[in-house]
C-alpha atoms as a PDB file:
ATOM      1  CA  MET A   1     119.597  95.209 105.417  1.00  0.00           C
ATOM      2  CA  GLY A   2     115.981  96.163 104.785  1.00  0.00           C
ATOM      3  CA  VAL A   3     113.883  97.646 101.986  1.00  0.00           C
ATOM      4  CA  ILE A   4     110.426  99.194 102.368  1.00  0.00           C
ATOM      5  CA  GLY A   5     108.580  99.594  99.085  1.00  0.00           C
ATOM      6  CA  LEU A   6     109.124  96.858  96.503  1.00  0.00           C
ATOM      7  CA  GLY A   7     107.668  98.486  93.400  1.00  0.00           C
ATOM      8  CA  ALA A   8     109.504  99.102  90.121  1.00  0.00           C
ATOM      9  CA  MET A   9     112.442 100.828  91.804  1.00  0.00           C
ATOM     10  CA  GLY A  10     112.497  99.146  95.205  1.00  0.00           C
ATOM     11  CA  GLY A  11     111.935  95.702  93.747  1.00  0.00           C
ATOM     12  CA  ALA A  12     114.799  96.087  91.273  1.00  0.00           C
ATOM     13  CA  MET A  13     117.126  97.474  93.942  1.00  0.00           C
ATOM     14  CA  SER A  14     116.264  94.613  96.307  1.00  0.00           C
ATOM     15  CA  ALA A  15     116.952  92.004  93.627  1.00  0.00           C
ATOM     16  CA  ASN A  16     120.323  93.541  92.811  1.00  0.00           C
ATOM     17  CA  LEU A  17     121.283  93.810  96.469  1.00  0.00           C
ATOM     18  CA  ALA A  18     120.434  90.142  96.990  1.00  0.00           C
ATOM     19  CA  LYS A  19     122.469  89.263  93.892  1.00  0.00           C
ATOM     20  CA  ALA A  20     125.377  91.263  95.323  1.00  0.00           C
ATOM     21  CA  GLY A  21     125.347  89.106  98.465  1.00  0.00           C
ATOM     22  CA  PHE A  22     123.404  91.289 100.891  1.00  0.00           C
ATOM     23  CA  ASP A  23     120.935  89.704 103.307  1.00  0.00           C
ATOM     24  CA  VAL A  24     117.854  91.578 102.081  1.00  0.00           C
ATOM     25  CA  ARG A  25     114.608  91.706 104.030  1.00  0.00           C
ATOM     26  CA  GLY A  26     111.759  93.652 102.537  1.00  0.00           C
ATOM     27  CA  PHE A  27     108.192  94.811 103.020  1.00  0.00           C
ATOM     28  CA  ASP A  28     105.480  96.021 100.696  1.00  0.00           C
ATOM     29  CA  ILE A  29     101.714  96.238 101.210  1.00  0.00           C
ATOM     30  CA  VAL A  30     101.268  94.301  97.936  1.00  0.00           C
ATOM     31  CA  ALA A  31     101.659  90.560  98.535  1.00  0.00           C
ATOM     32  CA  GLY A  32     102.791  89.882  94.969  1.00  0.00           C
ATOM     33  CA  ARG A  33     105.768  92.171  95.394  1.00  0.00           C
ATOM     34  CA  ARG A  34     106.798  90.363  98.571  1.00  0.00           C
ATOM     35  CA  SER A  35     106.652  87.091  96.637  1.00  0.00           C
ATOM     36  CA  ALA A  36     108.826  88.609  93.900  1.00  0.00           C
ATOM     37  CA  LEU A  37     111.432  89.508  96.526  1.00  0.00           C
ATOM     38  CA  LYS A  38     111.505  85.911  97.732  1.00  0.00           C
ATOM     39  CA  ARG A  39     112.044  84.671  94.177  1.00  0.00           C
ATOM     40  CA  ALA A  40     114.903  87.164  93.813  1.00  0.00           C
ATOM     41  CA  GLY A  41     116.681  85.749  96.851  1.00  0.00           C
ATOM     42  CA  GLY A  42     115.448  88.115  99.548  1.00  0.00           C
ATOM     43  CA  GLN A  43     113.310  87.489 102.604  1.00  0.00           C
ATOM     44  CA  PRO A  44     109.906  89.201 102.749  1.00  0.00           C
ATOM     45  CA  VAL A  45     108.433  90.268 106.085  1.00  0.00           C
ATOM     46  CA  SER A  46     104.771  90.741 106.868  1.00  0.00           C
ATOM     47  CA  SER A  47     105.026  94.141 108.555  1.00  0.00           C
ATOM     48  CA  ILE A  48     107.306  97.132 109.032  1.00  0.00           C
ATOM     49  CA  ALA A  49     107.589  96.230 112.696  1.00  0.00           C
ATOM     50  CA  GLY A  50     109.193  92.945 111.668  1.00  0.00           C
ATOM     51  CA  LEU A  51     111.877  94.687 109.633  1.00  0.00           C
ATOM     52  CA  LYS A  52     114.958  95.052 111.824  1.00  0.00           C
ATOM     53  CA  ALA A  53     118.204  96.072 110.104  1.00  0.00           C
ATOM     54  CA  PRO A  54     120.969  98.658 110.623  1.00  0.00           C
ATOM     55  CA  VAL A  55     120.273 100.200 107.191  1.00  0.00           C
ATOM     56  CA  ILE A  56     116.801 100.375 105.627  1.00  0.00           C
ATOM     57  CA  ILE A  57     116.058 101.735 102.146  1.00  0.00           C
ATOM     58  CA  THR A  58     112.656 103.287 101.494  1.00  0.00           C
ATOM     59  CA  SER A  59     111.241 103.595  97.969  1.00  0.00           C
ATOM     60  CA  LEU A  60     107.734 105.001  98.290  1.00  0.00           C
ATOM     61  CA  PRO A  61     105.045 106.385  95.949  1.00  0.00           C
ATOM     62  CA  SER A  62     103.834 109.342  97.988  1.00  0.00           C
ATOM     63  CA  ALA A  63     104.413 111.636 100.948  1.00  0.00           C
ATOM     64  CA  ALA A  64     101.489 109.974 102.720  1.00  0.00           C
ATOM     65  CA  ALA A  65     103.252 106.618 102.399  1.00  0.00           C
ATOM     66  CA  LEU A  66     106.461 108.075 103.817  1.00  0.00           C
ATOM     67  CA  HIS A  67     104.686 109.524 106.846  1.00  0.00           C
ATOM     68  CA  ALA A  68     102.844 106.232 107.430  1.00  0.00           C
ATOM     69  CA  VAL A  69     106.131 104.324 107.323  1.00  0.00           C
ATOM     70  CA  ALA A  70     107.870 106.832 109.617  1.00  0.00           C
ATOM     71  CA  GLY A  71     105.054 106.469 112.122  1.00  0.00           C
ATOM     72  CA  GLN A  72     105.460 102.685 112.257  1.00  0.00           C
ATOM     73  CA  MET A  73     109.248 102.377 112.358  1.00  0.00           C
ATOM     74  CA  LYS A  74     110.986 101.385 115.586  1.00  0.00           C
ATOM     75  CA  GLY A  75     114.533 100.644 116.668  1.00  0.00           C
ATOM     76  CA  ARG A  76     117.732 102.521 115.920  1.00  0.00           C
ATOM     77  CA  CYS A  77     118.793 102.425 112.291  1.00  0.00           C
ATOM     78  CA  ILE A  78     119.720 104.547 109.291  1.00  0.00           C
ATOM     79  CA  VAL A  79     116.996 105.088 106.709  1.00  0.00           C
ATOM     80  CA  VAL A  80     118.094 105.765 103.125  1.00  0.00           C
ATOM     81  CA  GLU A  81     115.058 107.562 101.664  1.00  0.00           C
ATOM     82  CA  THR A  82     115.216 107.288  97.850  1.00  0.00           C
ATOM     83  CA  SER A  83     111.787 108.567  96.782  1.00  0.00           C
ATOM     84  CA  THR A  84     111.130 111.783  94.852  1.00  0.00           C
ATOM     85  CA  LEU A  85     108.907 113.778  97.218  1.00  0.00           C
ATOM     86  CA  PRO A  86     108.424 117.381  98.362  1.00  0.00           C
ATOM     87  CA  LEU A  87     111.357 118.423 100.513  1.00  0.00           C
ATOM     88  CA  GLU A  88     109.154 119.617 103.363  1.00  0.00           C
ATOM     89  CA  ASP A  89     107.668 116.121 103.653  1.00  0.00           C
ATOM     90  CA  LYS A  90     111.100 114.564 103.889  1.00  0.00           C
ATOM     91  CA  GLU A  91     112.041 117.098 106.576  1.00  0.00           C
ATOM     92  CA  LYS A  92     108.891 116.244 108.514  1.00  0.00           C
ATOM     93  CA  ALA A  93     109.695 112.506 108.310  1.00  0.00           C
ATOM     94  CA  ARG A  94     113.283 113.204 109.370  1.00  0.00           C
ATOM     95  CA  ASP A  95     112.047 115.010 112.491  1.00  0.00           C
ATOM     96  CA  THR A  96     109.544 112.238 113.300  1.00  0.00           C
ATOM     97  CA  LEU A  97     112.226 109.558 113.057  1.00  0.00           C
ATOM     98  CA  LYS A  98     114.837 111.579 114.943  1.00  0.00           C
ATOM     99  CA  LYS A  99     112.643 111.434 118.048  1.00  0.00           C
ATOM    100  CA  LYS A 100     112.902 107.637 117.845  1.00  0.00           C
ATOM    101  CA  GLY A 101     116.671 107.620 117.473  1.00  0.00           C
ATOM    102  CA  ILE A 102     116.455 106.904 113.728  1.00  0.00           C
ATOM    103  CA  THR A 103     118.514 108.901 111.221  1.00  0.00           C
ATOM    104  CA  LEU A 104     116.940 109.679 107.860  1.00  0.00           C
ATOM    105  CA  LEU A 105     119.151 110.385 104.854  1.00  0.00           C
ATOM    106  CA  ASP A 106     117.701 112.170 101.819  1.00  0.00           C
ATOM    107  CA  CYS A 107     118.955 110.058  98.891  1.00  0.00           C
ATOM    108  CA  PRO A 108     116.830 110.324  95.723  1.00  0.00           C
ATOM    109  CA  LEU A 109     117.923 108.444  92.627  1.00  0.00           C
ATOM    110  CA  SER A 110     118.660 109.369  89.046  1.00  0.00           C
ATOM    111  CA  GLY A 111     117.266 106.653  86.773  1.00  0.00           C
ATOM    112  CA  THR A 112     114.095 104.791  85.834  1.00  0.00           C
ATOM    113  CA  GLY A 113     112.700 101.433  86.868  1.00  0.00           C
ATOM    114  CA  ALA A 114     114.238  99.891  83.750  1.00  0.00           C
ATOM    115  CA  GLN A 115     117.611 101.398  84.620  1.00  0.00           C
ATOM    116  CA  ALA A 116     117.256 100.151  88.198  1.00  0.00           C
ATOM    117  CA  LYS A 117     117.180  96.569  86.893  1.00  0.00           C
ATOM    118  CA  THR A 118     120.648  97.013  85.394  1.00  0.00           C
ATOM    119  CA  LYS A 119     122.029  99.051  88.337  1.00  0.00           C
ATOM    120  CA  ASP A 120     122.170 102.121  86.079  1.00  0.00           C
ATOM    121  CA  LEU A 121     121.265 104.439  88.951  1.00  0.00           C
ATOM    122  CA  VAL A 122     123.022 107.384  90.576  1.00  0.00           C
ATOM    123  CA  VAL A 123     122.420 108.159  94.260  1.00  0.00           C
ATOM    124  CA  PHE A 124     122.146 111.814  95.325  1.00  0.00           C
ATOM    125  CA  ALA A 125     122.893 111.443  99.038  1.00  0.00           C
ATOM    126  CA  SER A 126     122.499 114.139 101.679  1.00  0.00           C
ATOM    127  CA  GLY A 127     122.145 114.420 105.431  1.00  0.00           C
ATOM    128  CA  ASP A 128     124.201 113.405 108.463  1.00  0.00           C
ATOM    129  CA  ARG A 129     127.758 112.652 107.269  1.00  0.00           C
ATOM    130  CA  LYS A 130     128.452 109.908 109.810  1.00  0.00           C
ATOM    131  CA  ALA A 131     125.245 108.116 108.870  1.00  0.00           C
ATOM    132  CA  PHE A 132     126.161 108.411 105.195  1.00  0.00           C
ATOM    133  CA  GLU A 133     129.576 106.846 105.830  1.00  0.00           C
ATOM    134  CA  LEU A 134     127.911 103.920 107.590  1.00  0.00           C
ATOM    135  CA  ALA A 135     125.293 103.423 104.895  1.00  0.00           C
ATOM    136  CA  LYS A 136     127.274 104.038 101.713  1.00  0.00           C
ATOM    137  CA  ASN A 137     128.614 100.480 101.470  1.00  0.00           C
ATOM    138  CA  VAL A 138     125.159  99.344 100.267  1.00  0.00           C
ATOM    139  CA  PHE A 139     125.033 101.817  97.355  1.00  0.00           C
ATOM    140  CA  PRO A 140     127.263  99.800  94.968  1.00  0.00           C
ATOM    141  CA  GLY A 141     124.836  96.911  95.400  1.00  0.00           C
ATOM    142  CA  PHE A 142     122.117  98.737  93.457  1.00  0.00           C
ATOM    143  CA  SER A 143     123.749 101.732  91.695  1.00  0.00           C
ATOM    144  CA  ARG A 144     126.648 102.621  89.420  1.00  0.00           C
ATOM    145  CA  SER A 145     127.615 105.796  91.268  1.00  0.00           C
ATOM    146  CA  HIS A 146     126.796 107.934  94.286  1.00  0.00           C
ATOM    147  CA  TYR A 147     127.505 111.462  95.471  1.00  0.00           C
ATOM    148  CA  TYR A 148     127.466 112.972  98.952  1.00  0.00           C
ATOM    149  CA  LEU A 149     125.974 116.454  98.588  1.00  0.00           C
ATOM    150  CA  GLY A 150     126.088 117.773 102.146  1.00  0.00           C
ATOM    151  CA  ALA A 151     123.191 119.081 104.220  1.00  0.00           C
ATOM    152  CA  PHE A 152     119.895 117.203 104.345  1.00  0.00           C
ATOM    153  CA  GLY A 153     117.742 118.177 101.392  1.00  0.00           C
ATOM    154  CA  ASN A 154     120.545 118.763  98.916  1.00  0.00           C
ATOM    155  CA  GLY A 155     119.878 115.318  97.488  1.00  0.00           C
ATOM    156  CA  SER A 156     116.312 116.317  96.642  1.00  0.00           C
ATOM    157  CA  ARG A 157     117.435 119.681  95.306  1.00  0.00           C
ATOM    158  CA  MET A 158     119.847 117.913  92.942  1.00  0.00           C
ATOM    159  CA  LYS A 159     117.111 115.473  91.912  1.00  0.00           C
ATOM    160  CA  PHE A 160     114.878 118.403  90.978  1.00  0.00           C
ATOM    161  CA  VAL A 161     117.678 119.739  88.772  1.00  0.00           C
ATOM    162  CA  ALA A 162     118.167 116.313  87.182  1.00  0.00           C
ATOM    163  CA  ASN A 163     114.481 115.689  86.542  1.00  0.00           C
ATOM    164  CA  LEU A 164     113.994 119.148  85.071  1.00  0.00           C
ATOM    165  CA  LEU A 165     116.592 118.174  82.473  1.00  0.00           C
ATOM    166  CA  VAL A 166     115.013 114.746  81.984  1.00  0.00           C
ATOM    167  CA  ALA A 167     111.620 116.329  81.297  1.00  0.00           C
ATOM    168  CA  ILE A 168     113.013 118.770  78.743  1.00  0.00           C
ATOM    169  CA  HIS A 169     115.447 116.390  77.039  1.00  0.00           C
ATOM    170  CA  ASN A 170     112.783 113.699  76.673  1.00  0.00           C
ATOM    171  CA  VAL A 171     110.463 116.090  74.832  1.00  0.00           C
ATOM    172  CA  SER A 172     113.333 117.499  72.775  1.00  0.00           C
ATOM    173  CA  ALA A 173     114.290 113.957  71.691  1.00  0.00           C
ATOM    174  CA  ALA A 174     110.686 113.299  70.628  1.00  0.00           C
ATOM    175  CA  GLU A 175     110.510 116.621  68.801  1.00  0.00           C
ATOM    176  CA  ALA A 176     113.689 115.773  66.895  1.00  0.00           C
ATOM    177  CA  PHE A 177     112.344 112.350  65.892  1.00  0.00           C
ATOM    178  CA  VAL A 178     109.104 113.873  64.637  1.00  0.00           C
ATOM    179  CA  LEU A 179     110.938 116.574  62.678  1.00  0.00           C
ATOM    180  CA  GLY A 180     113.135 113.951  61.022  1.00  0.00           C
ATOM    181  CA  MET A 181     110.298 111.521  60.279  1.00  0.00           C
ATOM    182  CA  LYS A 182     108.086 114.304  58.919  1.00  0.00           C
ATOM    183  CA  ALA A 183     110.988 115.186  56.621  1.00  0.00           C
ATOM    184  CA  GLY A 184     111.115 111.604  55.364  1.00  0.00           C
ATOM    185  CA  LEU A 185     113.994 110.157  57.421  1.00  0.00           C
ATOM    186  CA  PRO A 186     113.526 106.660  58.920  1.00  0.00           C
ATOM    187  CA  ALA A 187     113.285 106.688  62.727  1.00  0.00           C
ATOM    188  CA  LYS A 188     115.964 104.006  63.028  1.00  0.00           C
ATOM    189  CA  THR A 189     118.402 106.053  60.969  1.00  0.00           C
ATOM    190  CA  ILE A 190     117.688 109.165  63.026  1.00  0.00           C
ATOM    191  CA  PHE A 191     118.538 107.263  66.183  1.00  0.00           C
ATOM    192  CA  GLU A 192     121.722 105.673  64.843  1.00  0.00           C
ATOM    193  CA  VAL A 193     123.122 108.952  63.527  1.00  0.00           C
ATOM    194  CA  ILE A 194     122.063 111.372  66.247  1.00  0.00           C
ATOM    195  CA  GLU A 195     123.088 109.039  69.086  1.00  0.00           C
ATOM    196  CA  ASN A 196     126.649 109.456  67.833  1.00  0.00           C
ATOM    197  CA  SER A 197     126.429 113.200  67.252  1.00  0.00           C
ATOM    198  CA  ALA A 198     126.739 116.393  69.264  1.00  0.00           C
ATOM    199  CA  GLY A 199     122.956 116.603  69.423  1.00  0.00           C
ATOM    200  CA  SER A 200     122.551 113.447  71.500  1.00  0.00           C
ATOM    201  CA  SER A 201     121.527 113.316  75.160  1.00  0.00           C
ATOM    202  CA  ARG A 202     121.137 110.619  77.792  1.00  0.00           C
ATOM    203  CA  MET A 203     117.363 110.758  77.303  1.00  0.00           C
ATOM    204  CA  PHE A 204     117.765 110.417  73.538  1.00  0.00           C
ATOM    205  CA  GLN A 205     119.845 107.289  74.158  1.00  0.00           C
ATOM    206  CA  VAL A 206     117.557 105.791  76.816  1.00  0.00           C
ATOM    207  CA  ARG A 207     114.169 106.530  75.253  1.00  0.00           C
ATOM    208  CA  GLY A 208     115.154 106.728  71.602  1.00  0.00           C
ATOM    209  CA  PRO A 209     114.686 102.968  70.999  1.00  0.00           C
ATOM    210  CA  GLN A 210     111.056 103.201  72.162  1.00  0.00           C
ATOM    211  CA  MET A 211     110.469 106.209  69.954  1.00  0.00           C
ATOM    212  CA  VAL A 212     111.939 104.297  67.005  1.00  0.00           C
ATOM    213  CA  LYS A 213     109.515 101.431  67.554  1.00  0.00           C
ATOM    214  CA  GLY A 214     106.573 103.655  68.451  1.00  0.00           C
ATOM    215  CA  ARG A 215     105.717 101.344  71.352  1.00  0.00           C
ATOM    216  CA  TYR A 216     105.546 102.696  74.866  1.00  0.00           C
ATOM    217  CA  HIS A 217     104.259  99.903  77.107  1.00  0.00           C
ATOM    218  CA  GLY A 218     106.394  98.460  79.900  1.00  0.00           C
ATOM    219  CA  ALA A 219     107.086 101.860  81.413  1.00  0.00           C
ATOM    220  CA  GLY A 220     110.484 102.682  82.885  1.00  0.00           C
ATOM    221  CA  ILE A 221     108.567 105.549  84.443  1.00  0.00           C
ATOM    222  CA  ALA A 222     104.931 106.102  83.527  1.00  0.00           C
ATOM    223  CA  VAL A 223     103.629 109.486  82.396  1.00  0.00           C
ATOM    224  CA  GLU A 224     101.168 109.626  85.308  1.00  0.00           C
ATOM    225  CA  LEU A 225     103.948 109.002  87.849  1.00  0.00           C
ATOM    226  CA  PHE A 226     106.267 111.523  86.228  1.00  0.00           C
ATOM    227  CA  GLN A 227     103.479 114.093  86.494  1.00  0.00           C
ATOM    228  CA  LYS A 228     103.952 113.872  90.259  1.00  0.00           C
ATOM    229  CA  ASP A 229     107.672 114.584  89.916  1.00  0.00           C
ATOM    230  CA  MET A 230     107.037 117.497  87.560  1.00  0.00           C
ATOM    231  CA  ARG A 231     104.526 119.037  89.925  1.00  0.00           C
ATOM    232  CA  ILE A 232     107.051 118.862  92.776  1.00  0.00           C
ATOM    233  CA  ILE A 233     109.746 120.506  90.634  1.00  0.00           C
ATOM    234  CA  GLY A 234     107.394 123.237  89.405  1.00  0.00           C
ATOM    235  CA  GLU A 235     106.249 124.119  92.917  1.00  0.00           C
ATOM    236  CA  PHE A 236     109.828 124.133  94.235  1.00  0.00           C
ATOM    237  CA  ALA A 237     111.065 126.370  91.406  1.00  0.00           C
ATOM    238  CA  ALA A 238     108.180 128.790  91.902  1.00  0.00           C
ATOM    239  CA  ARG A 239     108.836 128.935  95.639  1.00  0.00           C
ATOM    240  CA  ILE A 240     112.495 129.934  95.196  1.00  0.00           C
ATOM    241  CA  GLY A 241     111.822 132.199  92.213  1.00  0.00           C
ATOM    242  CA  ALA A 242     113.749 130.243  89.557  1.00  0.00           C
ATOM    243  CA  PRO A 243     112.575 130.712  85.937  1.00  0.00           C
ATOM    244  CA  THR A 244     111.718 127.416  84.185  1.00  0.00           C
ATOM    245  CA  SER A 245     110.304 128.439  80.807  1.00  0.00           C
ATOM    246  CA  LEU A 246     111.504 125.356  78.890  1.00  0.00           C
ATOM    247  CA  PHE A 247     110.316 123.040  81.658  1.00  0.00           C
ATOM    248  CA  ASN A 248     106.919 124.750  81.650  1.00  0.00           C
ATOM    249  CA  ALA A 249     106.654 124.398  77.877  1.00  0.00           C
ATOM    250  CA  SER A 250     107.442 120.678  78.077  1.00  0.00           C
ATOM    251  CA  ALA A 251     104.744 120.200  80.731  1.00  0.00           C
ATOM    252  CA  ALA A 252     102.042 120.886  78.124  1.00  0.00           C
ATOM    253  CA  ILE A 253     103.205 117.864  76.110  1.00  0.00           C
ATOM    254  CA  TYR A 254     103.056 115.578  79.154  1.00  0.00           C
ATOM    255  CA  ASN A 255      99.569 116.904  79.945  1.00  0.00           C
ATOM    256  CA  ALA A 256      98.531 116.075  76.384  1.00  0.00           C
ATOM    257  CA  ALA A 257      99.959 112.570  76.801  1.00  0.00           C
ATOM    258  CA  MET A 258      97.719 112.082  79.825  1.00  0.00           C
ATOM    259  CA  ALA A 259      94.698 113.405  77.936  1.00  0.00           C
ATOM    260  CA  GLN A 260      95.383 111.058  75.011  1.00  0.00           C
ATOM    261  CA  GLY A 261      95.409 107.954  77.203  1.00  0.00           C
ATOM    262  CA  HIS A 262      99.153 107.501  77.702  1.00  0.00           C
ATOM    263  CA  GLY A 263      99.078 107.838  81.496  1.00  0.00           C
ATOM    264  CA  GLY A 264     100.280 104.269  82.048  1.00  0.00           C
ATOM    265  CA  ASP A 265     102.815 104.365  79.214  1.00  0.00           C
ATOM    266  CA  ASP A 266     106.472 105.276  79.434  1.00  0.00           C
ATOM    267  CA  THR A 267     107.232 108.982  79.191  1.00  0.00           C
ATOM    268  CA  ALA A 268     108.715 108.298  75.747  1.00  0.00           C
ATOM    269  CA  ALA A 269     105.045 108.412  74.643  1.00  0.00           C
ATOM    270  CA  VAL A 270     105.402 112.189  74.287  1.00  0.00           C
ATOM    271  CA  CYS A 271     106.668 111.230  70.831  1.00  0.00           C
ATOM    272  CA  ALA A 272     103.199 109.873  69.984  1.00  0.00           C
ATOM    273  CA  VAL A 273     101.689 113.197  71.075  1.00  0.00           C
ATOM    274  CA  LEU A 274     103.983 115.176  68.786  1.00  0.00           C
ATOM    275  CA  GLU A 275     103.370 112.741  65.904  1.00  0.00           C
ATOM    276  CA  SER A 276      99.651 113.390  66.293  1.00  0.00           C
ATOM    277  CA  MET A 277     100.214 117.152  66.318  1.00  0.00           C
ATOM    278  CA  ALA A 278     102.318 116.816  63.159  1.00  0.00           C
ATOM    279  CA  LYS A 279      99.656 114.617  61.512  1.00  0.00           C
ATOM    280  CA  LEU A 280     102.427 112.114  60.920  1.00  0.00           C
ATOM    281  CA  ARG A 281     101.615 108.562  59.888  1.00  0.00           C
ATOM    282  CA  ARG A 282     104.440 106.075  60.030  1.00  0.00           C
ATOM    283  CA  ARG A 283     105.029 103.899  57.013  1.00  0.00           C
END
């Protein structure tokens, strides 16, 4: 099988697939990422044209990258497109590839780069059912669960729902930490108690340890990258007329994180923003 895009997500997925016994061939424009694939047990290729496999996973940073890849692909195969991108761009790539006899599945992922390393990902699959049935055997190699959601695009629609919740729950976790710390409770105690209470959330559990430490380097997903996802969700919601007042309110905190120099940090850094607003100094 093949993988195009060996960044935080694609690189982790490739390593896990190789570990699971798949013959993984991969391409990335960054030479260092190709070398990392080789160390993980996969076989790097020097160009997309040299990547021939019945199933190819794409994990790409932008719509422009997707269209560039679609323009270069040849040979019949099934493409499992896992990136978070505007739906209209995925539809355009699907139509481009269809003319070449290539089937594109819309399969975004729930999870961060850190979660990808431990296979803690969920696949939101959509598109041609027969192609999904042929491709789904690779999903357990890099994820803990997958869902078939029907017509092409439903995978992205579900990802927008999931990431809306991620954005809100991440800020709500940070807000809770800051409230507790401002009131004199130790961050570690807040985490230990709330994680086991009705007020917990998956984001509280995943990003809480970083908020406890107050250290946000080594991003599972960086603030600047998540800004791209939030923009896509906001535009989609506006287009279909869905109210997103809580999501919109959380966006201001992410914008402040960017302005305060946290663009390359994990999104848990919204806690640092709220600490600053609260004039909170940790002991």
